[in-house]
């Protein structure tokens, strides 16, 4: 009887923002997995425990949610003025594929800390005390992220009193700057249709007003009321409704088609990570999933977003960039739900609480340009050592 031997690979299990993932240095992967391709995908699928028809990922490091079925690969950067190259892989839970089409803004918070700890950042750029500025090249979307990582006595400071809704315990604050966050490549312009609001026709479902934007991650924003929602929904309100999930996925597929991300709606099934779909509403009081009371005066706008076919328990970091950008641009659905005024920051309500994000946008020759989006996150090492996995290159 033949069998596959287990190998062990240096790995770090980290929380970044409201997500968790397995972090690797590319140089420490098996040789066959150091380059993109089927071998790399097979390895990461097996590490996370996918595909799992039971939907639990019991035989792997995943925890059966889109927020925890994640992998990160880092390497010292060869690009000028950058310290580290960062590649993110969103691992499907019950299907055999890894989606490389976008970034994870939450895990971006952990990239700088991991890079420093693994010696991927030149020591001269890392102070003993203070803040290390790590220049990250986000390889999935070809963008720069500047991570401001607190240092104490020569080590990354992970503990502190910064509170992030969706994360139980306080930690040290990390500031992220997403530079020039408007997507290029297959996503095209900031507004791929050329409009800040479109009528999105979805055969068999309906027509919806939609803001489709490429910033941080391609995102489709809808009005909550047009979907029959209030914007105060929690996970169980959506994730236990099979008909709602099917409807939202259908809307997402046709939005992806209109954004030029796919050529046929059938392709959306193998591109679950992008685009995201979200809905917005004016401020309204609600009770967050933790039991925390959120007042209408505490927020500027309500936002709920889907990730990998389920309502996210808080908010994806990259979608937060999209929210910040859309809020700063007058006339988008996000901006209108937030009151319609010009702004450089917005505080939005999500299922776990609130989050404040900022963006700098300006109109240049009739086109909107965004120089950067800013947010605060936290990150922490949960476990480090080796991950054991059956693998043949």
Protein backbone atom coordinates (compact mmCIF):
# COMPACT_ATOMS: atom_id res chain seq x y z
CA UNK A 1 0.00 0.00 0.00
CA UNK A 2 1.48 3.35 -1.04
CA UNK A 3 1.27 6.44 1.07
CA UNK A 4 2.43 10.06 1.02
CA UNK A 5 4.91 11.05 3.70
CA UNK A 6 4.33 14.20 5.71
CA UNK A 7 6.78 17.05 5.37
CA UNK A 8 7.18 19.94 7.77
CA UNK A 9 7.46 23.54 6.65
CA UNK A 10 8.33 26.58 8.77
CA UNK A 11 5.12 28.55 9.22
CA UNK A 12 3.52 31.18 11.42
CA UNK A 13 -0.17 31.32 12.26
CA UNK A 14 -1.14 34.98 12.62
CA UNK A 15 -4.12 37.15 13.25
CA UNK A 16 -4.26 40.28 11.15
CA UNK A 17 -7.22 42.58 11.75
CA UNK A 18 -10.33 40.38 11.88
CA UNK A 19 -8.77 37.53 9.89
CA UNK A 20 -6.34 34.68 10.55
CA UNK A 21 -3.99 32.93 8.15
CA UNK A 22 -0.91 30.79 7.72
CA UNK A 23 2.20 32.82 6.79
CA UNK A 24 5.19 31.42 4.88
CA UNK A 25 8.52 32.74 3.66
CA UNK A 26 8.69 31.70 0.00
CA UNK A 27 12.31 30.57 0.38
CA UNK A 28 11.22 28.04 3.04
CA UNK A 29 8.56 26.35 0.90
CA UNK A 30 9.26 23.06 -0.91
CA UNK A 31 11.05 23.89 -4.16
CA UNK A 32 8.07 22.98 -6.34
CA UNK A 33 5.86 25.42 -4.42
CA UNK A 34 8.21 28.40 -4.61
CA UNK A 35 6.72 29.40 -7.95
CA UNK A 36 3.06 29.88 -8.92
CA UNK A 37 1.32 26.81 -10.26
CA UNK A 38 -0.54 23.60 -9.41
CA UNK A 39 2.08 22.37 -6.91
CA UNK A 40 1.81 25.54 -4.85
CA UNK A 41 -1.98 25.42 -4.92
CA UNK A 42 -2.05 21.75 -3.89
CA UNK A 43 0.22 22.48 -0.96
CA UNK A 44 -1.80 25.41 0.34
CA UNK A 45 -5.09 23.57 -0.09
CA UNK A 46 -3.75 20.67 1.98
CA UNK A 47 -2.32 22.99 4.63
CA UNK A 48 -5.68 24.68 5.12
CA UNK A 49 -7.67 21.43 4.84
CA UNK A 50 -9.49 21.92 1.54
CA UNK A 51 -11.47 20.87 -0.35
CA UNK A 52 -13.67 19.66 2.48
CA UNK A 53 -17.18 18.48 1.53
CA UNK A 54 -18.09 18.65 5.22
CA UNK A 55 -17.25 22.36 5.19
CA UNK A 56 -15.29 22.18 8.47
CA UNK A 57 -11.58 21.99 7.46
CA UNK A 58 -10.97 19.67 10.41
CA UNK A 59 -7.87 18.14 8.77
CA UNK A 60 -6.09 21.43 8.26
CA UNK A 61 -5.32 24.88 9.64
CA UNK A 62 -8.48 26.54 8.32
CA UNK A 63 -11.48 27.26 10.53
CA UNK A 64 -14.22 26.95 7.91
CA UNK A 65 -14.87 30.66 7.33
CA UNK A 66 -13.69 33.07 4.65
CA UNK A 67 -11.87 35.01 7.40
CA UNK A 68 -9.73 32.03 8.40
CA UNK A 69 -9.20 30.12 5.14
CA UNK A 70 -6.22 32.23 4.13
CA UNK A 71 -2.54 31.93 3.25
CA UNK A 72 0.23 34.50 2.86
CA UNK A 73 3.56 34.17 1.04
CA UNK A 74 6.36 36.69 1.60
CA UNK A 75 9.76 37.25 0.06
CA UNK A 76 12.41 39.93 0.24
CA UNK A 77 11.54 42.41 -2.50
CA UNK A 78 13.71 43.03 -5.54
CA UNK A 79 11.67 46.11 -6.45
CA UNK A 80 13.16 49.56 -5.83
CA UNK A 81 11.95 51.31 -2.68
CA UNK A 82 10.17 48.21 -1.34
CA UNK A 83 11.15 45.85 1.47
CA UNK A 84 8.96 42.80 0.93
CA UNK A 85 6.73 41.21 -1.72
CA UNK A 86 3.40 39.97 -0.37
CA UNK A 87 1.16 37.44 -2.12
CA UNK A 88 -2.24 36.44 -0.71
CA UNK A 89 -4.11 33.21 -1.44
CA UNK A 90 -7.79 32.87 -0.48
CA UNK A 91 -8.41 29.13 -0.12
CA UNK A 92 -11.86 27.83 -0.98
CA UNK A 93 -13.43 25.72 1.75
CA UNK A 94 -15.34 23.03 -0.13
CA UNK A 95 -13.74 23.40 -3.57
CA UNK A 96 -10.26 22.66 -4.85
CA UNK A 97 -9.03 26.11 -5.78
CA UNK A 98 -6.99 28.99 -4.42
CA UNK A 99 -8.14 32.44 -5.50
CA UNK A 100 -5.22 34.76 -6.24
CA UNK A 101 -7.35 37.56 -7.72
CA UNK A 102 -7.17 40.04 -4.84
CA UNK A 103 -5.60 41.16 -1.60
CA UNK A 104 -6.64 40.63 2.02
CA UNK A 105 -6.59 43.99 3.76
CA UNK A 106 -6.91 42.47 7.22
CA UNK A 107 -3.91 40.16 6.85
CA UNK A 108 -2.00 43.09 5.34
CA UNK A 109 -1.76 44.29 8.94
CA UNK A 110 0.38 41.28 9.84
CA UNK A 111 2.70 41.40 6.83
CA UNK A 112 5.09 44.04 8.17
CA UNK A 113 5.45 42.32 11.53
CA UNK A 114 6.08 38.92 9.94
CA UNK A 115 8.59 40.41 7.50
CA UNK A 116 10.56 42.04 10.31
CA UNK A 117 10.55 38.88 12.45
CA UNK A 118 11.71 36.72 9.52
CA UNK A 119 14.56 39.11 8.68
CA UNK A 120 13.09 40.11 5.32
CA UNK A 121 13.51 43.82 6.12
CA UNK A 122 16.99 45.35 6.26
CA UNK A 123 18.00 45.75 9.89
CA UNK A 124 19.02 49.37 9.26
CA UNK A 125 15.35 50.20 8.55
CA UNK A 126 14.10 48.71 11.81
CA UNK A 127 14.48 50.88 14.93
CA UNK A 128 14.97 49.39 18.38
CA UNK A 129 12.10 51.51 19.63
CA UNK A 130 9.53 53.55 17.80
CA UNK A 131 7.85 52.71 14.51
CA UNK A 132 9.29 50.68 11.65
CA UNK A 133 8.03 51.75 8.23
CA UNK A 134 7.76 48.64 6.05
CA UNK A 135 7.25 49.16 2.31
CA UNK A 136 5.13 46.28 1.02
CA UNK A 137 4.57 45.36 -2.61
CA UNK A 138 1.14 43.72 -2.84
CA UNK A 139 1.78 41.32 -5.71
CA UNK A 140 -1.82 40.21 -6.30
CA UNK A 141 -2.92 43.67 -7.42
CA UNK A 142 0.40 45.41 -8.03
CA UNK A 143 0.06 48.08 -5.34
CA UNK A 144 2.13 49.52 -2.51
CA UNK A 145 1.12 49.29 1.15
CA UNK A 146 3.03 51.21 3.81
CA UNK A 147 2.84 49.44 7.17
CA UNK A 148 3.74 51.35 10.33
CA UNK A 149 4.83 48.67 12.80
CA UNK A 150 5.45 49.57 16.47
CA UNK A 151 8.76 48.35 17.88
CA UNK A 152 9.81 47.89 21.51
CA UNK A 153 13.30 46.79 22.60
CA UNK A 154 14.13 45.48 19.15
CA UNK A 155 10.98 43.38 18.81
CA UNK A 156 7.64 43.92 17.16
CA UNK A 157 5.21 45.24 19.77
CA UNK A 158 2.03 43.18 19.61
CA UNK A 159 0.23 44.04 22.83
CA UNK A 160 -1.40 47.37 23.60
CA UNK A 161 -4.71 49.09 24.29
CA UNK A 162 -6.01 49.56 20.72
CA UNK A 163 -9.46 48.04 20.36
CA UNK A 164 -10.78 46.73 17.05
CA UNK A 165 -14.43 45.71 16.83
CA UNK A 166 -14.58 42.07 15.76
CA UNK A 167 -11.46 41.21 17.79
CA UNK A 168 -11.99 40.26 21.44
CA UNK A 169 -8.76 41.50 23.02
CA UNK A 170 -6.92 44.84 22.63
CA UNK A 171 -3.51 44.94 20.96
CA UNK A 172 -0.95 47.37 19.56
CA UNK A 173 -2.20 49.71 16.84
CA UNK A 174 -0.77 49.31 13.33
CA UNK A 175 -1.45 52.00 10.74
CA UNK A 176 -1.73 50.94 7.10
CA UNK A 177 -1.53 53.24 4.11
CA UNK A 178 -2.87 51.76 0.87
CA UNK A 179 -1.15 53.87 -1.76
CA UNK A 180 -2.93 54.69 -5.02
CA UNK A 181 -5.51 52.00 -4.17
CA UNK A 182 -7.53 52.19 -7.39
CA UNK A 183 -7.12 48.84 -9.14
CA UNK A 184 -5.56 48.49 -12.53
CA UNK A 185 -4.94 45.31 -14.53
CA UNK A 186 -8.10 43.36 -15.33
CA UNK A 187 -10.20 45.61 -13.12
CA UNK A 188 -9.46 48.72 -15.18
CA UNK A 189 -10.24 52.21 -13.93
CA UNK A 190 -11.48 53.38 -10.53
CA UNK A 191 -15.00 53.24 -11.95
CA UNK A 192 -14.82 50.59 -14.71
CA UNK A 193 -18.14 51.63 -16.25
CA UNK A 194 -17.20 55.30 -16.20
CA UNK A 195 -20.07 56.10 -13.83
CA UNK A 196 -20.26 56.55 -10.06
CA UNK A 197 -23.72 54.91 -10.14
CA UNK A 198 -25.14 52.47 -12.69
CA UNK A 199 -28.31 50.49 -13.22
CA UNK A 200 -27.22 46.87 -12.82
CA UNK A 201 -29.59 44.54 -14.63
CA UNK A 202 -29.67 41.00 -13.25
CA UNK A 203 -31.80 38.67 -15.40
CA UNK A 204 -34.47 36.89 -13.40
CA UNK A 205 -33.69 38.92 -10.28
CA UNK A 206 -34.13 42.64 -10.96
CA UNK A 207 -32.39 45.93 -11.66
CA UNK A 208 -30.45 47.68 -8.92
CA UNK A 209 -28.69 50.98 -8.51
CA UNK A 210 -25.03 50.11 -8.02
CA UNK A 211 -21.68 51.78 -7.42
CA UNK A 212 -18.99 49.55 -8.90
CA UNK A 213 -15.53 50.60 -7.81
CA UNK A 214 -11.96 49.31 -8.00
CA UNK A 215 -10.20 50.49 -4.87
CA UNK A 216 -8.54 48.11 -2.44
CA UNK A 217 -10.60 45.36 -4.04
CA UNK A 218 -13.27 45.41 -6.77
CA UNK A 219 -16.54 46.05 -4.95
CA UNK A 220 -20.20 46.34 -5.90
CA UNK A 221 -22.19 48.60 -3.56
CA UNK A 222 -26.00 48.41 -3.51
CA UNK A 223 -28.70 50.20 -1.53
CA UNK A 224 -29.88 48.02 1.35
CA UNK A 225 -33.50 49.10 0.87
CA UNK A 226 -33.55 47.89 -2.75
CA UNK A 227 -32.55 44.44 -1.50
CA UNK A 228 -35.19 44.48 1.20
CA UNK A 229 -32.60 45.03 3.95
CA UNK A 230 -32.02 47.71 6.59
CA UNK A 231 -28.23 47.62 6.74
CA UNK A 232 -28.31 46.34 10.33
CA UNK A 233 -28.22 42.64 9.41
CA UNK A 234 -26.05 40.18 11.33
CA UNK A 235 -24.58 36.95 10.00
CA UNK A 236 -27.47 34.64 10.87
CA UNK A 237 -29.94 36.96 9.12
CA UNK A 238 -28.21 36.31 5.81
CA UNK A 239 -26.17 33.12 6.06
CA UNK A 240 -29.13 30.98 7.08
CA UNK A 241 -31.17 32.20 4.11
CA UNK A 242 -30.35 30.00 1.11
CA UNK A 243 -32.51 32.04 -1.25
CA UNK A 244 -30.80 35.29 -0.19
CA UNK A 245 -27.33 33.81 -0.69
CA UNK A 246 -28.25 32.63 -4.18
CA UNK A 247 -29.73 36.01 -5.08
CA UNK A 248 -26.68 37.92 -3.81
CA UNK A 249 -24.29 35.60 -5.66
CA UNK A 250 -26.25 36.08 -8.88
CA UNK A 251 -26.08 39.87 -8.48
CA UNK A 252 -22.34 39.59 -7.78
CA UNK A 253 -21.79 37.51 -10.92
CA UNK A 254 -23.55 40.02 -13.18
CA UNK A 255 -21.73 42.86 -11.45
CA UNK A 256 -18.41 41.15 -12.14
CA UNK A 257 -19.41 40.87 -15.78
CA UNK A 258 -20.32 44.55 -16.01
CA UNK A 259 -17.04 45.52 -14.31
CA UNK A 260 -15.10 43.58 -16.94
CA UNK A 261 -13.64 41.16 -14.40
CA UNK A 262 -15.08 38.12 -16.21
CA UNK A 263 -16.27 37.44 -19.75
CA UNK A 264 -19.10 35.08 -18.83
CA UNK A 265 -21.21 34.91 -15.64
CA UNK A 266 -20.24 31.25 -15.23
CA UNK A 267 -16.67 32.36 -14.49
CA UNK A 268 -17.80 33.97 -11.22
CA UNK A 269 -18.01 30.54 -9.59
CA UNK A 270 -14.23 30.17 -9.82
CA UNK A 271 -13.57 33.78 -8.80
CA UNK A 272 -15.22 33.95 -5.40
CA UNK A 273 -12.76 36.34 -3.76
CA UNK A 274 -13.47 39.19 -6.17
CA UNK A 275 -15.50 41.24 -6.65
CA UNK A 276 -17.06 41.81 -3.25
CA UNK A 277 -20.73 42.73 -2.92
CA UNK A 278 -21.97 45.04 -0.18
CA UNK A 279 -25.01 47.08 0.73
CA UNK A 280 -25.28 50.46 2.42
CA UNK A 281 -27.87 52.42 4.37
CA UNK A 282 -28.07 55.69 6.33
CA UNK A 283 -27.17 55.51 10.04
CA UNK A 284 -29.52 53.61 12.31
CA UNK A 285 -29.14 52.20 15.82
CA UNK A 286 -28.53 48.46 16.11
CA UNK A 287 -27.01 45.86 18.38
CA UNK A 288 -23.70 44.37 17.18
CA UNK A 289 -23.01 40.65 17.30
CA UNK A 290 -21.11 41.10 20.58
CA UNK A 291 -24.16 42.70 22.20
CA UNK A 292 -22.61 46.17 21.96
CA UNK A 293 -25.16 48.93 21.30
CA UNK A 294 -24.30 51.07 18.27
CA UNK A 295 -26.13 54.41 18.16
CA UNK A 296 -27.14 56.17 14.97
CA UNK A 297 -24.93 59.06 16.07
CA UNK A 298 -21.90 56.78 16.40
CA UNK A 299 -21.61 56.17 12.65
CA UNK A 300 -21.87 57.93 9.30
CA UNK A 301 -23.17 54.97 7.31
CA UNK A 302 -24.16 51.31 7.64
CA UNK A 303 -22.34 48.73 5.51
CA UNK A 304 -22.70 44.96 5.22
CA UNK A 305 -20.47 42.92 2.90
CA UNK A 306 -20.30 39.39 1.56
CA UNK A 307 -17.08 37.37 1.48
CA UNK A 308 -16.77 34.01 -0.28
CA UNK A 309 -20.54 33.63 -0.43
CA UNK A 310 -21.29 34.50 3.22
CA UNK A 311 -21.96 37.70 5.16
CA UNK A 312 -18.67 38.76 6.77
CA UNK A 313 -18.66 38.88 10.56
CA UNK A 314 -17.08 42.34 10.53
CA UNK A 315 -15.54 43.97 7.44
CA UNK A 316 -12.79 42.93 5.06
CA UNK A 317 -9.82 45.30 5.12
CA UNK A 318 -9.78 45.73 1.36
CA UNK A 319 -13.53 46.40 1.32
CA UNK A 320 -12.87 49.02 3.99
CA UNK A 321 -10.56 50.73 1.49
CA UNK A 322 -13.36 50.61 -1.08
CA UNK A 323 -15.76 52.09 1.48
CA UNK A 324 -13.34 54.89 2.35
CA UNK A 325 -12.78 55.72 -1.31
CA UNK A 326 -16.45 55.60 -2.29
CA UNK A 327 -17.43 57.71 0.72
CA UNK A 328 -14.96 60.41 -0.35
CA UNK A 329 -16.38 60.65 -3.87
CA UNK A 330 -19.60 62.61 -4.12
CA UNK A 331 -22.53 60.87 -5.75
CA UNK A 332 -21.63 57.25 -5.01
CA UNK A 333 -24.16 55.18 -3.10
CA UNK A 334 -21.81 55.05 -0.11
CA UNK A 335 -21.36 58.82 -0.14
CA UNK A 336 -25.10 59.43 -0.50
CA UNK A 337 -25.96 57.02 2.34
CA UNK A 338 -23.42 58.88 4.49
CA UNK A 339 -25.16 62.19 3.83
CA UNK A 340 -23.71 63.24 0.48
CA UNK A 341 -21.09 65.68 1.80
CA UNK A 342 -17.44 65.85 0.81
CA UNK A 343 -15.32 63.98 3.35
CA UNK A 344 -11.86 62.51 3.93
CA UNK A 345 -12.94 60.05 6.62
CA UNK A 346 -15.97 57.93 7.38
CA UNK A 347 -17.02 55.82 10.36
CA UNK A 348 -19.15 52.89 9.26
CA UNK A 349 -21.17 50.34 11.17
CA UNK A 350 -20.60 46.64 10.45
CA UNK A 351 -21.95 43.48 12.12
CA UNK A 352 -19.30 43.50 14.87
CA UNK A 353 -19.25 47.23 15.55
CA UNK A 354 -17.69 50.29 13.94
CA UNK A 355 -14.58 51.24 12.01
CA UNK A 356 -13.16 54.60 10.99
CA UNK A 357 -11.27 54.80 7.68
CA UNK A 358 -9.88 57.66 5.62
CA UNK A 359 -9.24 58.38 1.96
CA UNK A 360 -7.89 61.26 -0.08
CA UNK A 361 -9.68 61.71 -3.40
CA UNK A 362 -9.73 64.58 -5.87
CA UNK A 363 -11.24 65.31 -9.28
CA UNK A 364 -8.56 65.76 -11.95
CA UNK A 365 -9.60 66.63 -15.51
CA UNK A 366 -13.00 65.09 -14.93
CA UNK A 367 -11.66 61.84 -13.43
CA UNK A 368 -11.46 60.90 -9.77
CA UNK A 369 -8.01 60.10 -8.42
CA UNK A 370 -7.26 58.55 -5.02
CA UNK A 371 -3.79 59.00 -3.56
CA UNK A 372 -4.21 56.73 -0.56
CA UNK A 373 -6.56 55.16 1.94
CA UNK A 374 -5.67 54.86 5.62
CA UNK A 375 -6.87 52.59 8.39
CA UNK A 376 -5.77 51.22 11.74
CA UNK A 377 -5.57 47.50 12.46
CA UNK A 378 -3.75 45.20 14.85
CA UNK A 379 -1.92 41.89 14.44
CA UNK A 380 -0.48 39.15 16.59
CA UNK A 381 1.42 35.90 16.25
CA UNK A 382 -0.78 33.04 17.45
CA UNK A 383 1.64 30.16 16.84
CA UNK A 384 4.98 29.68 15.15
CA UNK A 385 6.93 26.57 14.24
CA UNK A 386 6.20 24.05 11.48
CA UNK A 387 3.08 23.00 9.69
CA UNK A 388 2.98 19.28 8.87
CA UNK A 389 1.37 18.29 5.61
CA UNK A 390 1.24 15.27 3.27
CA UNK A 391 2.81 16.56 0.07
CA UNK A 392 4.67 15.43 -3.01
CA UNK A 393 5.94 18.16 -5.32
